Amino acid sequence: MKSFNLKSNQNNPYFAELKAIYLSERALSASLPQKIKNAPTDELALALTNHLQFTIQHLKRLEDIFINIGEARISNYNSVDFQFD
């Protein structure tokens, strides 16, 4: 079985996909607090709060993956292309 080396290969499609997921999760985590604040019902606010907690957990897992593959600077990437309104 061929091993999959992701380190130092930012052109790798797997790395690109992980980066896109990370950036979209980061943008989502930035936009959810405002949506929670503006939620018209307590039920929706609670659902969005739960979703924010899961999103933060996803971000931590993704950051761990990037650290393990030698890309610890992932948090420096720009998420301008991922805006949720």
PDB file of N, CA and C in Angstrom:
ATOM      1  N   MET A   1       0.840  -1.176   0.000  1.00  0.00           N
ATOM      2  CA  MET A   1       0.000   0.000   0.000  1.00  0.00           C
ATOM      3  C   MET A   1       0.886   1.241   0.000  1.00  0.00           C
ATOM      4  N   LYS A   2       0.608   2.170  -0.878  1.00  0.00           N
ATOM      5  CA  LYS A   2       1.388   3.388  -0.995  1.00  0.00           C
ATOM      6  C   LYS A   2       1.036   4.340   0.145  1.00  0.00           C
ATOM      7  N   SER A   3       2.068   4.890   0.790  1.00  0.00           N
ATOM      8  CA  SER A   3       1.814   5.823   1.882  1.00  0.00           C
ATOM      9  C   SER A   3       1.453   7.201   1.313  1.00  0.00           C
ATOM     10  N   PHE A   4       0.747   7.949   2.086  1.00  0.00           N
ATOM     11  CA  PHE A   4       0.259   9.260   1.663  1.00  0.00           C
ATOM     12  C   PHE A   4       0.991  10.319   2.464  1.00  0.00           C
ATOM     13  N   ASN A   5       1.941  11.006   1.837  1.00  0.00           N
ATOM     14  CA  ASN A   5       2.725  12.021   2.526  1.00  0.00           C
ATOM     15  C   ASN A   5       2.168  13.396   2.190  1.00  0.00           C
ATOM     16  N   LEU A   6       1.620  14.042   3.188  1.00  0.00           N
ATOM     17  CA  LEU A   6       1.009  15.343   2.992  1.00  0.00           C
ATOM     18  C   LEU A   6       1.946  16.480   3.364  1.00  0.00           C
ATOM     19  N   LYS A   7       2.975  16.203   4.121  1.00  0.00           N
ATOM     20  CA  LYS A   7       3.856  17.251   4.618  1.00  0.00           C
ATOM     21  C   LYS A   7       4.514  18.016   3.475  1.00  0.00           C
ATOM     22  N   SER A   8       4.593  19.326   3.656  1.00  0.00           N
ATOM     23  CA  SER A   8       5.278  20.222   2.729  1.00  0.00           C
ATOM     24  C   SER A   8       4.764  20.117   1.297  1.00  0.00           C
ATOM     25  N   ASN A   9       3.500  19.837   1.125  1.00  0.00           N
ATOM     26  CA  ASN A   9       2.952  19.744  -0.215  1.00  0.00           C
ATOM     27  C   ASN A   9       1.610  20.455  -0.258  1.00  0.00           C
ATOM     28  N   GLN A  10       1.658  21.777  -0.310  1.00  0.00           N
ATOM     29  CA  GLN A  10       0.429  22.554  -0.292  1.00  0.00           C
ATOM     30  C   GLN A  10      -0.352  22.452  -1.600  1.00  0.00           C
ATOM     31  N   ASN A  11       0.227  21.884  -2.627  1.00  0.00           N
ATOM     32  CA  ASN A  11      -0.485  21.676  -3.889  1.00  0.00           C
ATOM     33  C   ASN A  11      -1.272  20.371  -3.883  1.00  0.00           C
ATOM     34  N   ASN A  12      -1.139  19.624  -2.823  1.00  0.00           N
ATOM     35  CA  ASN A  12      -1.837  18.365  -2.690  1.00  0.00           C
ATOM     36  C   ASN A  12      -3.339  18.632  -2.557  1.00  0.00           C
ATOM     37  N   PRO A  13      -4.184  17.944  -3.336  1.00  0.00           N
ATOM     38  CA  PRO A  13      -5.635  18.186  -3.258  1.00  0.00           C
ATOM     39  C   PRO A  13      -6.222  17.899  -1.878  1.00  0.00           C
ATOM     40  N   TYR A  14      -5.680  16.923  -1.159  1.00  0.00           N
ATOM     41  CA  TYR A  14      -6.159  16.620   0.188  1.00  0.00           C
ATOM     42  C   TYR A  14      -5.891  17.803   1.111  1.00  0.00           C
ATOM     43  N   PHE A  15      -4.686  18.356   1.023  1.00  0.00           N
ATOM     44  CA  PHE A  15      -4.339  19.535   1.824  1.00  0.00           C
ATOM     45  C   PHE A  15      -5.239  20.707   1.461  1.00  0.00           C
ATOM     46  N   ALA A  16      -5.472  20.918   0.189  1.00  0.00           N
ATOM     47  CA  ALA A  16      -6.324  22.022  -0.263  1.00  0.00           C
ATOM     48  C   ALA A  16      -7.744  21.874   0.278  1.00  0.00           C
ATOM     49  N   GLU A  17      -8.237  20.651   0.284  1.00  0.00           N
ATOM     50  CA  GLU A  17      -9.589  20.404   0.804  1.00  0.00           C
ATOM     51  C   GLU A  17      -9.651  20.654   2.309  1.00  0.00           C
ATOM     52  N   LEU A  18      -8.654  20.173   3.037  1.00  0.00           N
ATOM     53  CA  LEU A  18      -8.607  20.430   4.476  1.00  0.00           C
ATOM     54  C   LEU A  18      -8.537  21.928   4.770  1.00  0.00           C
ATOM     55  N   LYS A  19      -7.748  22.635   3.995  1.00  0.00           N
ATOM     56  CA  LYS A  19      -7.621  24.077   4.174  1.00  0.00           C
ATOM     57  C   LYS A  19      -8.964  24.771   3.911  1.00  0.00           C
ATOM     58  N   ALA A  20      -9.662  24.364   2.857  1.00  0.00           N
ATOM     59  CA  ALA A  20     -10.967  24.959   2.540  1.00  0.00           C
ATOM     60  C   ALA A  20     -11.974  24.679   3.657  1.00  0.00           C
ATOM     61  N   ILE A  21     -11.957  23.460   4.180  1.00  0.00           N
ATOM     62  CA  ILE A  21     -12.853  23.114   5.284  1.00  0.00           C
ATOM     63  C   ILE A  21     -12.518  23.964   6.505  1.00  0.00           C
ATOM     64  N   TYR A  22     -11.239  24.077   6.813  1.00  0.00           N
ATOM     65  CA  TYR A  22     -10.815  24.867   7.970  1.00  0.00           C
ATOM     66  C   TYR A  22     -11.261  26.320   7.826  1.00  0.00           C
ATOM     67  N   LEU A  23     -11.025  26.899   6.665  1.00  0.00           N
ATOM     68  CA  LEU A  23     -11.377  28.304   6.470  1.00  0.00           C
ATOM     69  C   LEU A  23     -12.884  28.535   6.523  1.00  0.00           C
ATOM     70  N   SER A  24     -13.658  27.604   5.997  1.00  0.00           N
ATOM     71  CA  SER A  24     -15.109  27.769   6.052  1.00  0.00           C
ATOM     72  C   SER A  24     -15.624  27.594   7.481  1.00  0.00           C
ATOM     73  N   GLU A  25     -15.051  26.663   8.234  1.00  0.00           N
ATOM     74  CA  GLU A  25     -15.428  26.496   9.637  1.00  0.00           C
ATOM     75  C   GLU A  25     -15.058  27.741  10.444  1.00  0.00           C
ATOM     76  N   ARG A  26     -13.903  28.314  10.136  1.00  0.00           N
ATOM     77  CA  ARG A  26     -13.473  29.522  10.845  1.00  0.00           C
ATOM     78  C   ARG A  26     -14.404  30.693  10.549  1.00  0.00           C
ATOM     79  N   ALA A  27     -14.787  30.847   9.292  1.00  0.00           N
ATOM     80  CA  ALA A  27     -15.725  31.916   8.929  1.00  0.00           C
ATOM     81  C   ALA A  27     -17.080  31.692   9.591  1.00  0.00           C
ATOM     82  N   LEU A  28     -17.509  30.446   9.625  1.00  0.00           N
ATOM     83  CA  LEU A  28     -18.778  30.122  10.273  1.00  0.00           C
ATOM     84  C   LEU A  28     -18.722  30.441  11.764  1.00  0.00           C
ATOM     85  N   SER A  29     -17.621  30.090  12.409  1.00  0.00           N
ATOM     86  CA  SER A  29     -17.499  30.364  13.844  1.00  0.00           C
ATOM     87  C   SER A  29     -17.463  31.860  14.128  1.00  0.00           C
ATOM     88  N   ALA A  30     -17.010  32.650  13.179  1.00  0.00           N
ATOM     89  CA  ALA A  30     -16.998  34.101  13.348  1.00  0.00           C
ATOM     90  C   ALA A  30     -18.383  34.707  13.149  1.00  0.00           C
ATOM     91  N   SER A  31     -19.202  34.089  12.312  1.00  0.00           N
ATOM     92  CA  SER A  31     -20.516  34.662  12.011  1.00  0.00           C
ATOM     93  C   SER A  31     -21.627  34.172  12.947  1.00  0.00           C
ATOM     94  N   LEU A  32     -21.465  33.015  13.540  1.00  0.00           N
ATOM     95  CA  LEU A  32     -22.528  32.452  14.379  1.00  0.00           C
ATOM     96  C   LEU A  32     -22.870  33.291  15.617  1.00  0.00           C
ATOM     97  N   PRO A  33     -21.913  33.898  16.312  1.00  0.00           N
ATOM     98  CA  PRO A  33     -22.303  34.684  17.486  1.00  0.00           C
ATOM     99  C   PRO A  33     -23.308  35.798  17.172  1.00  0.00           C
ATOM    100  N   GLN A  34     -23.148  36.452  16.049  1.00  0.00           N
ATOM    101  CA  GLN A  34     -24.099  37.495  15.666  1.00  0.00           C
ATOM    102  C   GLN A  34     -25.467  36.890  15.345  1.00  0.00           C
ATOM    103  N   LYS A  35     -25.455  35.754  14.702  1.00  0.00           N
ATOM    104  CA  LYS A  35     -26.722  35.081  14.389  1.00  0.00           C
ATOM    105  C   LYS A  35     -27.425  34.625  15.666  1.00  0.00           C
ATOM    106  N   ILE A  36     -26.655  34.167  16.649  1.00  0.00           N
ATOM    107  CA  ILE A  36     -27.234  33.777  17.932  1.00  0.00           C
ATOM    108  C   ILE A  36     -27.871  34.997  18.605  1.00  0.00           C
ATOM    109  N   LYS A  37     -27.154  36.095  18.579  1.00  0.00           N
ATOM    110  CA  LYS A  37     -27.653  37.333  19.191  1.00  0.00           C
ATOM    111  C   LYS A  37     -28.958  37.796  18.535  1.00  0.00           C
ATOM    112  N   ASN A  38     -29.070  37.632  17.229  1.00  0.00           N
ATOM    113  CA  ASN A  38     -30.232  38.108  16.475  1.00  0.00           C
ATOM    114  C   ASN A  38     -31.317  37.045  16.278  1.00  0.00           C
ATOM    115  N   ALA A  39     -31.144  35.885  16.880  1.00  0.00           N
ATOM    116  CA  ALA A  39     -32.129  34.807  16.701  1.00  0.00           C
ATOM    117  C   ALA A  39     -33.497  35.240  17.233  1.00  0.00           C
ATOM    118  N   PRO A  40     -34.537  35.013  16.442  1.00  0.00           N
ATOM    119  CA  PRO A  40     -35.866  35.455  16.859  1.00  0.00           C
ATOM    120  C   PRO A  40     -36.501  34.597  17.959  1.00  0.00           C
ATOM    121  N   THR A  41     -35.976  33.393  18.163  1.00  0.00           N
ATOM    122  CA  THR A  41     -36.531  32.529  19.212  1.00  0.00           C
ATOM    123  C   THR A  41     -35.398  31.940  20.053  1.00  0.00           C
ATOM    124  N   ASP A  42     -35.731  31.586  21.285  1.00  0.00           N
ATOM    125  CA  ASP A  42     -34.751  30.937  22.158  1.00  0.00           C
ATOM    126  C   ASP A  42     -34.327  29.584  21.608  1.00  0.00           C
ATOM    127  N   GLU A  43     -35.270  28.894  20.973  1.00  0.00           N
ATOM    128  CA  GLU A  43     -34.975  27.584  20.397  1.00  0.00           C
ATOM    129  C   GLU A  43     -33.912  27.697  19.294  1.00  0.00           C
ATOM    130  N   LEU A  44     -34.058  28.693  18.427  1.00  0.00           N
ATOM    131  CA  LEU A  44     -33.067  28.894  17.371  1.00  0.00           C
ATOM    132  C   LEU A  44     -31.727  29.324  17.961  1.00  0.00           C
ATOM    133  N   ALA A  45     -31.751  30.190  18.954  1.00  0.00           N
ATOM    134  CA  ALA A  45     -30.509  30.621  19.600  1.00  0.00           C
ATOM    135  C   ALA A  45     -29.779  29.430  20.213  1.00  0.00           C
ATOM    136  N   LEU A  46     -30.529  28.531  20.843  1.00  0.00           N
ATOM    137  CA  LEU A  46     -29.919  27.338  21.433  1.00  0.00           C
ATOM    138  C   LEU A  46     -29.328  26.430  20.353  1.00  0.00           C
ATOM    139  N   ALA A  47     -30.058  26.235  19.271  1.00  0.00           N
ATOM    140  CA  ALA A  47     -29.562  25.391  18.170  1.00  0.00           C
ATOM    141  C   ALA A  47     -28.284  25.986  17.575  1.00  0.00           C
ATOM    142  N   LEU A  48     -28.260  27.288  17.385  1.00  0.00           N
ATOM    143  CA  LEU A  48     -27.065  27.944  16.836  1.00  0.00           C
ATOM    144  C   LEU A  48     -25.902  27.884  17.823  1.00  0.00           C
ATOM    145  N   THR A  49     -26.205  28.003  19.099  1.00  0.00           N
ATOM    146  CA  THR A  49     -25.160  27.895  20.122  1.00  0.00           C
ATOM    147  C   THR A  49     -24.544  26.504  20.114  1.00  0.00           C
ATOM    148  N   ASN A  50     -25.388  25.484  20.016  1.00  0.00           N
ATOM    149  CA  ASN A  50     -24.881  24.110  19.917  1.00  0.00           C
ATOM    150  C   ASN A  50     -24.031  23.931  18.667  1.00  0.00           C
ATOM    151  N   HIS A  51     -24.490  24.502  17.565  1.00  0.00           N
ATOM    152  CA  HIS A  51     -23.745  24.397  16.315  1.00  0.00           C
ATOM    153  C   HIS A  51     -22.390  25.095  16.439  1.00  0.00           C
ATOM    154  N   LEU A  52     -22.357  26.228  17.114  1.00  0.00           N
ATOM    155  CA  LEU A  52     -21.092  26.939  17.331  1.00  0.00           C
ATOM    156  C   LEU A  52     -20.131  26.080  18.149  1.00  0.00           C
ATOM    157  N   GLN A  53     -20.625  25.411  19.159  1.00  0.00           N
ATOM    158  CA  GLN A  53     -19.765  24.549  19.972  1.00  0.00           C
ATOM    159  C   GLN A  53     -19.165  23.410  19.141  1.00  0.00           C
ATOM    160  N   PHE A  54     -19.976  22.802  18.287  1.00  0.00           N
ATOM    161  CA  PHE A  54     -19.461  21.750  17.403  1.00  0.00           C
ATOM    162  C   PHE A  54     -18.450  22.312  16.406  1.00  0.00           C
ATOM    163  N   THR A  55     -18.723  23.489  15.893  1.00  0.00           N
ATOM    164  CA  THR A  55     -17.812  24.122  14.939  1.00  0.00           C
ATOM    165  C   THR A  55     -16.461  24.395  15.581  1.00  0.00           C
ATOM    166  N   ILE A  56     -16.460  24.858  16.812  1.00  0.00           N
ATOM    167  CA  ILE A  56     -15.205  25.100  17.531  1.00  0.00           C
ATOM    168  C   ILE A  56     -14.441  23.800  17.734  1.00  0.00           C
ATOM    169  N   GLN A  57     -15.154  22.716  18.044  1.00  0.00           N
ATOM    170  CA  GLN A  57     -14.502  21.408  18.169  1.00  0.00           C
ATOM    171  C   GLN A  57     -13.889  20.968  16.840  1.00  0.00           C
ATOM    172  N   HIS A  58     -14.603  21.195  15.743  1.00  0.00           N
ATOM    173  CA  HIS A  58     -14.074  20.854  14.418  1.00  0.00           C
ATOM    174  C   HIS A  58     -12.803  21.638  14.136  1.00  0.00           C
ATOM    175  N   LEU A  59     -12.818  22.918  14.469  1.00  0.00           N
ATOM    176  CA  LEU A  59     -11.637  23.752  14.247  1.00  0.00           C
ATOM    177  C   LEU A  59     -10.434  23.217  15.024  1.00  0.00           C
ATOM    178  N   LYS A  60     -10.652  22.829  16.261  1.00  0.00           N
ATOM    179  CA  LYS A  60      -9.549  22.297  17.071  1.00  0.00           C
ATOM    180  C   LYS A  60      -9.009  21.009  16.467  1.00  0.00           C
ATOM    181  N   ARG A  61      -9.898  20.141  15.988  1.00  0.00           N
ATOM    182  CA  ARG A  61      -9.449  18.893  15.357  1.00  0.00           C
ATOM    183  C   ARG A  61      -8.650  19.177  14.086  1.00  0.00           C
ATOM    184  N   LEU A  62      -9.148  20.099  13.294  1.00  0.00           N
ATOM    185  CA  LEU A  62      -8.434  20.448  12.063  1.00  0.00           C
ATOM    186  C   LEU A  62      -7.081  21.073  12.371  1.00  0.00           C
ATOM    187  N   GLU A  63      -7.022  21.933  13.381  1.00  0.00           N
ATOM    188  CA  GLU A  63      -5.734  22.521  13.767  1.00  0.00           C
ATOM    189  C   GLU A  63      -4.763  21.438  14.211  1.00  0.00           C
ATOM    190  N   ASP A  64      -5.237  20.429  14.924  1.00  0.00           N
ATOM    191  CA  ASP A  64      -4.384  19.305  15.318  1.00  0.00           C
ATOM    192  C   ASP A  64      -3.851  18.566  14.095  1.00  0.00           C
ATOM    193  N   ILE A  65      -4.711  18.373  13.107  1.00  0.00           N
ATOM    194  CA  ILE A  65      -4.275  17.710  11.871  1.00  0.00           C
ATOM    195  C   ILE A  65      -3.179  18.526  11.207  1.00  0.00           C
ATOM    196  N   PHE A  66      -3.378  19.830  11.105  1.00  0.00           N
ATOM    197  CA  PHE A  66      -2.374  20.672  10.451  1.00  0.00           C
ATOM    198  C   PHE A  66      -1.062  20.684  11.223  1.00  0.00           C
ATOM    199  N   ILE A  67      -1.126  20.673  12.531  1.00  0.00           N
ATOM    200  CA  ILE A  67       0.102  20.596  13.327  1.00  0.00           C
ATOM    201  C   ILE A  67       0.817  19.275  13.051  1.00  0.00           C
ATOM    202  N   ASN A  68       0.061  18.186  12.974  1.00  0.00           N
ATOM    203  CA  ASN A  68       0.654  16.868  12.733  1.00  0.00           C
ATOM    204  C   ASN A  68       1.288  16.738  11.356  1.00  0.00           C
ATOM    205  N   ILE A  69       0.832  17.508  10.393  1.00  0.00           N
ATOM    206  CA  ILE A  69       1.417  17.423   9.047  1.00  0.00           C
ATOM    207  C   ILE A  69       2.414  18.547   8.793  1.00  0.00           C
ATOM    208  N   GLY A  70       2.748  19.290   9.845  1.00  0.00           N
ATOM    209  CA  GLY A  70       3.777  20.312   9.718  1.00  0.00           C
ATOM    210  C   GLY A  70       3.286  21.647   9.205  1.00  0.00           C
ATOM    211  N   GLU A  71       2.003  21.900   9.287  1.00  0.00           N
ATOM    212  CA  GLU A  71       1.430  23.173   8.832  1.00  0.00           C
ATOM    213  C   GLU A  71       0.788  23.900  10.011  1.00  0.00           C
ATOM    214  N   ALA A  72       1.576  24.131  11.044  1.00  0.00           N
ATOM    215  CA  ALA A  72       1.060  24.740  12.272  1.00  0.00           C
ATOM    216  C   ALA A  72       0.589  26.170  12.062  1.00  0.00           C
ATOM    217  N   ARG A  73       0.970  26.806  10.961  1.00  0.00           N
ATOM    218  CA  ARG A  73       0.586  28.198  10.718  1.00  0.00           C
ATOM    219  C   ARG A  73      -0.768  28.333  10.036  1.00  0.00           C
ATOM    220  N   ILE A  74      -1.590  27.325  10.073  1.00  0.00           N
ATOM    221  CA  ILE A  74      -2.887  27.353   9.394  1.00  0.00           C
ATOM    222  C   ILE A  74      -3.733  28.530   9.858  1.00  0.00           C
ATOM    223  N   SER A  75      -3.637  28.918  11.106  1.00  0.00           N
ATOM    224  CA  SER A  75      -4.472  30.010  11.602  1.00  0.00           C
ATOM    225  C   SER A  75      -4.104  31.343  10.956  1.00  0.00           C
ATOM    226  N   ASN A  76      -2.971  31.409  10.274  1.00  0.00           N
ATOM    227  CA  ASN A  76      -2.576  32.633   9.565  1.00  0.00           C
ATOM    228  C   ASN A  76      -3.222  32.747   8.195  1.00  0.00           C
ATOM    229  N   TYR A  77      -3.850  31.672   7.715  1.00  0.00           N
ATOM    230  CA  TYR A  77      -4.475  31.720   6.399  1.00  0.00           C
ATOM    231  C   TYR A  77      -5.670  32.650   6.408  1.00  0.00           C
ATOM    232  N   ASN A  78      -5.924  33.258   5.294  1.00  0.00           N
ATOM    233  CA  ASN A  78      -6.997  34.239   5.167  1.00  0.00           C
ATOM    234  C   ASN A  78      -8.298  33.545   4.781  1.00  0.00           C
ATOM    235  N   SER A  79      -9.370  33.935   5.430  1.00  0.00           N
ATOM    236  CA  SER A  79     -10.673  33.338   5.127  1.00  0.00           C
ATOM    237  C   SER A  79     -11.590  34.318   4.417  1.00  0.00           C
ATOM    238  N   VAL A  80     -11.029  35.277   3.699  1.00  0.00           N
ATOM    239  CA  VAL A  80     -11.815  36.307   3.025  1.00  0.00           C
ATOM    240  C   VAL A  80     -12.813  35.694   2.052  1.00  0.00           C
ATOM    241  N   ASP A  81     -12.442  34.619   1.401  1.00  0.00           N
ATOM    242  CA  ASP A  81     -13.306  33.999   0.403  1.00  0.00           C
ATOM    243  C   ASP A  81     -14.487  33.257   1.007  1.00  0.00           C
ATOM    244  N   PHE A  82     -14.502  33.105   2.323  1.00  0.00           N
ATOM    245  CA  PHE A  82     -15.542  32.331   2.983  1.00  0.00           C
ATOM    246  C   PHE A  82     -16.329  33.235   3.918  1.00  0.00           C
ATOM    247  N   GLN A  83     -17.338  33.884   3.378  1.00  0.00           N
ATOM    248  CA  GLN A  83     -18.196  34.752   4.170  1.00  0.00           C
ATOM    249  C   GLN A  83     -19.603  34.194   4.193  1.00  0.00           C
ATOM    250  N   PHE A  84     -20.183  34.124   5.359  1.00  0.00           N
ATOM    251  CA  PHE A  84     -21.545  33.621   5.515  1.00  0.00           C
ATOM    252  C   PHE A  84     -22.415  34.754   6.005  1.00  0.00           C
ATOM    253  N   ASP A  85     -23.414  35.111   5.235  1.00  0.00           N
ATOM    254  CA  ASP A  85     -24.340  36.180   5.641  1.00  0.00           C
ATOM    255  C   ASP A  85     -25.746  35.663   5.774  1.00  0.00           C
TER     256      ASP A  85
END
